[in-house]
Amino acid sequence: MKALSLMLLMLTVPSVSTAAVETWTNVALVDTQCAPKVKDDPDSHTAKCALQCATHGFGVITHDGSFFLLDEAGNRKAIAALKATQKVDHLRATVTGEHLRDSIKVVSLSLEEPTR
C-alpha cells in the first residue's frame, strides 16, 4: 500500500523543468505584428517601427527562419535595448534563455551595435 501511495504522489508532483539555457547570436529582433511582413528581409525592419509596435511583443527570427516569441521579461529587455540603440535598422540581437516550444524565457538580451 505504501508503494502505491508513493507512486501516486510521484505522479501528482509537478516535474522539475530540465530545459537548458541556450544562446542565440546575431538573430533578427522583430515585433510580432511586423514579423510576417519582414520575414524575408528582417534587416529592413526599423527600430522606430519596432518601438511603435512594441505593445504586441517581440520575437526573434533565427538563422534557419524559425520565429520564437520572447516572454514578458524579454519584451521589456527588447524595448530597453531599442530605446538605447543608435541603430536605425538591421536589428540583430544576442538572446540567452530557455527555449520553451515556440518561445524563449529570456535571461538576457542585447542588441549588436554597429562597428565603428
N, C-alpha and C. Protein backbone atom coordinates (compact mmCIF):
# COMPACT_ATOMS: atom_id res chain seq x y z
N MET A 1 0.82 -1.20 0.00
CA MET A 1 0.00 0.00 0.00
C MET A 1 0.86 1.27 0.00
N LYS A 2 1.96 1.24 0.78
CA LYS A 2 2.85 2.39 0.82
C LYS A 2 3.48 2.64 -0.55
N ALA A 3 3.83 1.58 -1.23
CA ALA A 3 4.44 1.72 -2.55
C ALA A 3 3.46 2.36 -3.53
N LEU A 4 2.20 1.96 -3.46
CA LEU A 4 1.18 2.54 -4.33
C LEU A 4 0.97 4.01 -4.01
N SER A 5 0.93 4.36 -2.74
CA SER A 5 0.78 5.76 -2.33
C SER A 5 1.95 6.60 -2.81
N LEU A 6 3.16 6.04 -2.69
CA LEU A 6 4.35 6.76 -3.13
C LEU A 6 4.33 6.98 -4.64
N MET A 7 3.91 5.97 -5.39
CA MET A 7 3.82 6.10 -6.85
C MET A 7 2.80 7.16 -7.24
N LEU A 8 1.64 7.18 -6.59
CA LEU A 8 0.62 8.18 -6.88
C LEU A 8 1.11 9.58 -6.55
N LEU A 9 1.83 9.71 -5.44
CA LEU A 9 2.37 11.01 -5.07
C LEU A 9 3.38 11.49 -6.11
N MET A 10 4.23 10.61 -6.58
CA MET A 10 5.23 10.97 -7.59
C MET A 10 4.57 11.40 -8.89
N LEU A 11 3.44 10.81 -9.22
CA LEU A 11 2.74 11.18 -10.46
C LEU A 11 2.05 12.52 -10.35
N THR A 12 1.67 12.93 -9.14
CA THR A 12 0.95 14.19 -8.98
C THR A 12 1.86 15.38 -8.73
N VAL A 13 3.11 15.15 -8.34
CA VAL A 13 4.06 16.24 -8.11
C VAL A 13 4.55 16.73 -9.46
N PRO A 14 4.46 18.05 -9.70
CA PRO A 14 4.94 18.56 -10.99
C PRO A 14 6.41 18.26 -11.18
N SER A 15 6.76 17.91 -12.40
CA SER A 15 8.16 17.60 -12.68
C SER A 15 8.96 18.89 -12.78
N VAL A 16 10.19 18.83 -12.40
CA VAL A 16 11.10 19.97 -12.47
C VAL A 16 11.54 20.13 -13.91
N SER A 17 11.52 21.36 -14.38
CA SER A 17 11.94 21.63 -15.75
C SER A 17 13.43 21.35 -15.91
N THR A 18 13.76 20.66 -16.96
CA THR A 18 15.16 20.38 -17.23
C THR A 18 15.63 21.13 -18.47
N ALA A 19 14.89 22.17 -18.84
CA ALA A 19 15.26 22.94 -20.02
C ALA A 19 16.60 23.63 -19.77
N ALA A 20 17.46 23.53 -20.73
CA ALA A 20 18.79 24.12 -20.62
C ALA A 20 18.76 25.54 -21.16
N VAL A 21 19.61 26.36 -20.60
CA VAL A 21 19.76 27.72 -21.09
C VAL A 21 20.56 27.67 -22.39
N GLU A 22 20.05 28.37 -23.41
CA GLU A 22 20.68 28.43 -24.71
C GLU A 22 20.97 29.88 -25.07
N THR A 23 21.85 30.08 -26.03
CA THR A 23 22.14 31.42 -26.53
C THR A 23 21.98 31.45 -28.03
N TRP A 24 21.25 32.44 -28.52
CA TRP A 24 21.08 32.68 -29.95
C TRP A 24 21.82 33.97 -30.27
N THR A 25 22.75 33.91 -31.20
CA THR A 25 23.54 35.10 -31.55
C THR A 25 23.20 35.57 -32.95
N ASN A 26 23.26 36.88 -33.12
CA ASN A 26 23.05 37.51 -34.41
C ASN A 26 21.70 37.12 -35.03
N VAL A 27 20.66 37.11 -34.18
CA VAL A 27 19.31 36.82 -34.66
C VAL A 27 18.54 38.13 -34.82
N ALA A 28 17.63 38.15 -35.76
CA ALA A 28 16.85 39.36 -36.04
C ALA A 28 15.80 39.56 -34.95
N LEU A 29 15.77 40.74 -34.37
CA LEU A 29 14.76 41.12 -33.38
C LEU A 29 13.64 41.84 -34.09
N VAL A 30 12.41 41.31 -33.98
CA VAL A 30 11.27 41.85 -34.72
C VAL A 30 10.04 41.84 -33.81
N ASP A 31 9.22 42.88 -33.91
CA ASP A 31 7.96 42.85 -33.17
C ASP A 31 7.02 41.84 -33.84
N THR A 32 6.12 41.28 -33.05
CA THR A 32 5.27 40.20 -33.56
C THR A 32 4.30 40.67 -34.64
N GLN A 33 3.91 41.93 -34.61
CA GLN A 33 2.98 42.42 -35.63
C GLN A 33 3.65 42.49 -37.00
N CYS A 34 4.91 42.85 -37.04
CA CYS A 34 5.61 43.01 -38.32
C CYS A 34 6.33 41.74 -38.78
N ALA A 35 6.48 40.78 -37.91
CA ALA A 35 7.25 39.57 -38.25
C ALA A 35 6.82 38.93 -39.56
N PRO A 36 5.51 38.73 -39.80
CA PRO A 36 5.13 38.11 -41.07
C PRO A 36 5.49 38.96 -42.29
N LYS A 37 5.45 40.29 -42.12
CA LYS A 37 5.74 41.19 -43.24
C LYS A 37 7.22 41.24 -43.59
N VAL A 38 8.08 41.07 -42.58
CA VAL A 38 9.52 41.25 -42.81
C VAL A 38 10.31 39.95 -42.73
N LYS A 39 9.61 38.81 -42.70
CA LYS A 39 10.31 37.53 -42.50
C LYS A 39 11.36 37.27 -43.57
N ASP A 40 11.15 37.74 -44.80
CA ASP A 40 12.12 37.50 -45.87
C ASP A 40 13.29 38.49 -45.84
N ASP A 41 13.10 39.63 -45.18
CA ASP A 41 14.17 40.63 -45.07
C ASP A 41 14.05 41.35 -43.73
N PRO A 42 14.32 40.64 -42.63
CA PRO A 42 14.14 41.25 -41.31
C PRO A 42 15.09 42.42 -41.04
N ASP A 43 16.20 42.50 -41.77
CA ASP A 43 17.13 43.60 -41.56
C ASP A 43 16.59 44.94 -42.05
N SER A 44 15.53 44.92 -42.84
CA SER A 44 14.92 46.17 -43.29
C SER A 44 13.98 46.76 -42.23
N HIS A 45 13.64 45.97 -41.24
CA HIS A 45 12.74 46.42 -40.18
C HIS A 45 13.44 47.47 -39.32
N THR A 46 12.78 48.59 -39.06
CA THR A 46 13.41 49.69 -38.35
C THR A 46 13.13 49.67 -36.85
N ALA A 47 14.04 50.29 -36.12
CA ALA A 47 13.88 50.42 -34.68
C ALA A 47 12.64 51.26 -34.37
N LYS A 48 12.41 52.29 -35.17
CA LYS A 48 11.25 53.16 -34.96
C LYS A 48 9.95 52.35 -35.07
N CYS A 49 9.85 51.52 -36.08
CA CYS A 49 8.67 50.68 -36.27
C CYS A 49 8.53 49.69 -35.12
N ALA A 50 9.63 49.07 -34.73
CA ALA A 50 9.60 48.09 -33.65
C ALA A 50 9.09 48.72 -32.36
N LEU A 51 9.53 49.94 -32.06
CA LEU A 51 9.07 50.62 -30.85
C LEU A 51 7.60 51.03 -30.97
N GLN A 52 7.16 51.41 -32.16
CA GLN A 52 5.75 51.77 -32.35
C GLN A 52 4.84 50.56 -32.16
N CYS A 53 5.34 49.38 -32.49
CA CYS A 53 4.55 48.15 -32.39
C CYS A 53 4.88 47.34 -31.13
N ALA A 54 5.58 47.94 -30.20
CA ALA A 54 6.08 47.24 -29.02
C ALA A 54 4.98 46.60 -28.17
N THR A 55 3.79 47.16 -28.19
CA THR A 55 2.72 46.60 -27.35
C THR A 55 2.29 45.21 -27.79
N HIS A 56 2.70 44.82 -28.99
CA HIS A 56 2.35 43.49 -29.50
C HIS A 56 3.37 42.43 -29.09
N GLY A 57 4.50 42.86 -28.53
CA GLY A 57 5.54 41.92 -28.12
C GLY A 57 6.57 41.72 -29.20
N PHE A 58 7.60 40.96 -28.85
CA PHE A 58 8.73 40.74 -29.74
C PHE A 58 9.06 39.27 -29.89
N GLY A 59 9.83 39.00 -30.91
CA GLY A 59 10.36 37.66 -31.13
C GLY A 59 11.65 37.78 -31.90
N VAL A 60 12.27 36.64 -32.13
CA VAL A 60 13.49 36.62 -32.93
C VAL A 60 13.31 35.66 -34.09
N ILE A 61 13.90 36.03 -35.21
CA ILE A 61 13.94 35.16 -36.38
C ILE A 61 15.35 34.58 -36.42
N THR A 62 15.44 33.26 -36.31
CA THR A 62 16.74 32.60 -36.25
C THR A 62 17.31 32.40 -37.65
N HIS A 63 18.52 31.90 -37.70
CA HIS A 63 19.21 31.70 -38.98
C HIS A 63 18.50 30.69 -39.88
N ASP A 64 17.74 29.76 -39.28
CA ASP A 64 17.03 28.78 -40.10
C ASP A 64 15.60 29.24 -40.42
N GLY A 65 15.26 30.49 -40.07
CA GLY A 65 13.95 31.05 -40.38
C GLY A 65 12.89 30.79 -39.33
N SER A 66 13.25 30.13 -38.23
CA SER A 66 12.29 29.90 -37.15
C SER A 66 12.00 31.22 -36.43
N PHE A 67 10.78 31.33 -35.90
CA PHE A 67 10.39 32.52 -35.15
C PHE A 67 10.04 32.10 -33.74
N PHE A 68 10.71 32.69 -32.74
CA PHE A 68 10.44 32.39 -31.34
C PHE A 68 9.99 33.66 -30.63
N LEU A 69 8.87 33.58 -29.96
CA LEU A 69 8.37 34.69 -29.16
C LEU A 69 9.22 34.89 -27.93
N LEU A 70 9.33 36.13 -27.48
CA LEU A 70 10.01 36.43 -26.23
C LEU A 70 8.97 36.52 -25.12
N ASP A 71 9.34 36.12 -23.91
CA ASP A 71 8.44 36.25 -22.78
C ASP A 71 8.36 37.72 -22.35
N GLU A 72 7.58 38.01 -21.31
CA GLU A 72 7.41 39.41 -20.87
C GLU A 72 8.73 40.05 -20.47
N ALA A 73 9.58 39.31 -19.78
CA ALA A 73 10.89 39.86 -19.40
C ALA A 73 11.70 40.18 -20.66
N GLY A 74 11.62 39.31 -21.65
CA GLY A 74 12.32 39.55 -22.91
C GLY A 74 11.78 40.76 -23.64
N ASN A 75 10.45 40.94 -23.60
CA ASN A 75 9.85 42.12 -24.23
C ASN A 75 10.35 43.40 -23.58
N ARG A 76 10.43 43.41 -22.25
CA ARG A 76 10.94 44.60 -21.54
C ARG A 76 12.40 44.87 -21.90
N LYS A 77 13.20 43.81 -21.98
CA LYS A 77 14.61 43.96 -22.34
C LYS A 77 14.75 44.45 -23.78
N ALA A 78 13.88 43.97 -24.67
CA ALA A 78 13.92 44.40 -26.07
C ALA A 78 13.59 45.88 -26.18
N ILE A 79 12.58 46.32 -25.47
CA ILE A 79 12.20 47.75 -25.51
C ILE A 79 13.34 48.61 -25.00
N ALA A 80 13.94 48.21 -23.88
CA ALA A 80 15.06 48.98 -23.31
C ALA A 80 16.23 49.03 -24.30
N ALA A 81 16.54 47.92 -24.93
CA ALA A 81 17.65 47.89 -25.89
C ALA A 81 17.35 48.75 -27.10
N LEU A 82 16.11 48.72 -27.59
CA LEU A 82 15.74 49.52 -28.75
C LEU A 82 15.78 51.01 -28.43
N LYS A 83 15.36 51.37 -27.23
CA LYS A 83 15.40 52.78 -26.84
C LYS A 83 16.83 53.29 -26.69
N ALA A 84 17.75 52.39 -26.34
CA ALA A 84 19.14 52.79 -26.10
C ALA A 84 20.01 52.75 -27.35
N THR A 85 19.56 52.10 -28.40
CA THR A 85 20.42 51.92 -29.58
C THR A 85 20.42 53.14 -30.48
N GLN A 86 21.50 53.26 -31.23
CA GLN A 86 21.62 54.28 -32.27
C GLN A 86 21.29 53.68 -33.63
N LYS A 87 21.05 52.37 -33.67
CA LYS A 87 20.78 51.70 -34.94
C LYS A 87 19.42 52.13 -35.49
N VAL A 88 19.35 52.22 -36.80
CA VAL A 88 18.10 52.56 -37.48
C VAL A 88 17.38 51.28 -37.90
N ASP A 89 18.15 50.32 -38.41
CA ASP A 89 17.60 49.04 -38.86
C ASP A 89 18.66 47.97 -38.62
N HIS A 90 18.52 46.82 -39.26
CA HIS A 90 19.45 45.71 -39.06
C HIS A 90 19.55 45.40 -37.56
N LEU A 91 18.39 45.13 -36.96
CA LEU A 91 18.29 44.90 -35.53
C LEU A 91 18.64 43.46 -35.19
N ARG A 92 19.90 43.24 -34.92
CA ARG A 92 20.39 41.91 -34.59
C ARG A 92 20.68 41.85 -33.10
N ALA A 93 20.35 40.71 -32.49
CA ALA A 93 20.49 40.58 -31.05
C ALA A 93 21.16 39.28 -30.66
N THR A 94 21.64 39.26 -29.43
CA THR A 94 22.07 38.04 -28.77
C THR A 94 21.10 37.82 -27.63
N VAL A 95 20.47 36.66 -27.62
CA VAL A 95 19.45 36.34 -26.61
C VAL A 95 19.86 35.06 -25.90
N THR A 96 19.80 35.10 -24.58
CA THR A 96 20.07 33.92 -23.76
C THR A 96 18.82 33.62 -22.96
N GLY A 97 18.44 32.33 -22.95
CA GLY A 97 17.27 31.94 -22.18
C GLY A 97 16.91 30.49 -22.40
N GLU A 98 15.77 30.10 -21.88
CA GLU A 98 15.27 28.74 -22.03
C GLU A 98 14.31 28.67 -23.20
N HIS A 99 14.55 27.74 -24.10
CA HIS A 99 13.69 27.52 -25.26
C HIS A 99 12.51 26.66 -24.81
N LEU A 100 11.31 27.22 -24.88
CA LEU A 100 10.09 26.52 -24.48
C LEU A 100 9.13 26.49 -25.66
N ARG A 101 9.14 25.40 -26.40
CA ARG A 101 8.33 25.24 -27.62
C ARG A 101 8.58 26.36 -28.60
N ASP A 102 7.64 27.30 -28.74
CA ASP A 102 7.79 28.38 -29.72
C ASP A 102 8.15 29.72 -29.07
N SER A 103 8.68 29.66 -27.85
CA SER A 103 9.04 30.90 -27.16
C SER A 103 10.35 30.74 -26.41
N ILE A 104 10.83 31.88 -25.92
CA ILE A 104 12.07 31.90 -25.15
C ILE A 104 11.79 32.62 -23.83
N LYS A 105 12.13 31.97 -22.73
CA LYS A 105 12.09 32.59 -21.41
C LYS A 105 13.45 33.29 -21.27
N VAL A 106 13.46 34.59 -21.46
CA VAL A 106 14.70 35.36 -21.64
C VAL A 106 15.40 35.63 -20.31
N VAL A 107 16.71 35.35 -20.32
CA VAL A 107 17.58 35.70 -19.21
C VAL A 107 18.29 37.01 -19.53
N SER A 108 18.81 37.12 -20.76
CA SER A 108 19.47 38.36 -21.18
C SER A 108 19.23 38.58 -22.67
N LEU A 109 19.26 39.85 -23.04
CA LEU A 109 19.09 40.26 -24.44
C LEU A 109 19.91 41.51 -24.66
N SER A 110 20.71 41.51 -25.72
CA SER A 110 21.46 42.71 -26.07
C SER A 110 21.47 42.85 -27.58
N LEU A 111 21.32 44.08 -28.02
CA LEU A 111 21.42 44.37 -29.45
C LEU A 111 22.88 44.45 -29.84
N GLU A 112 23.17 43.95 -31.01
CA GLU A 112 24.53 44.06 -31.53
C GLU A 112 24.68 45.45 -32.12
N GLU A 113 25.60 46.19 -31.58
CA GLU A 113 25.80 47.57 -32.01
C GLU A 113 26.68 47.61 -33.25
N PRO A 114 26.52 48.65 -34.05
CA PRO A 114 27.33 48.76 -35.27
C PRO A 114 28.80 48.92 -34.94
N THR A 115 29.63 48.37 -35.79
CA THR A 115 31.08 48.55 -35.63
C THR A 115 31.46 49.92 -36.13
N ARG A 116 32.43 50.50 -35.51
CA ARG A 116 32.82 51.87 -35.88
C ARG A 116 34.14 51.88 -36.56
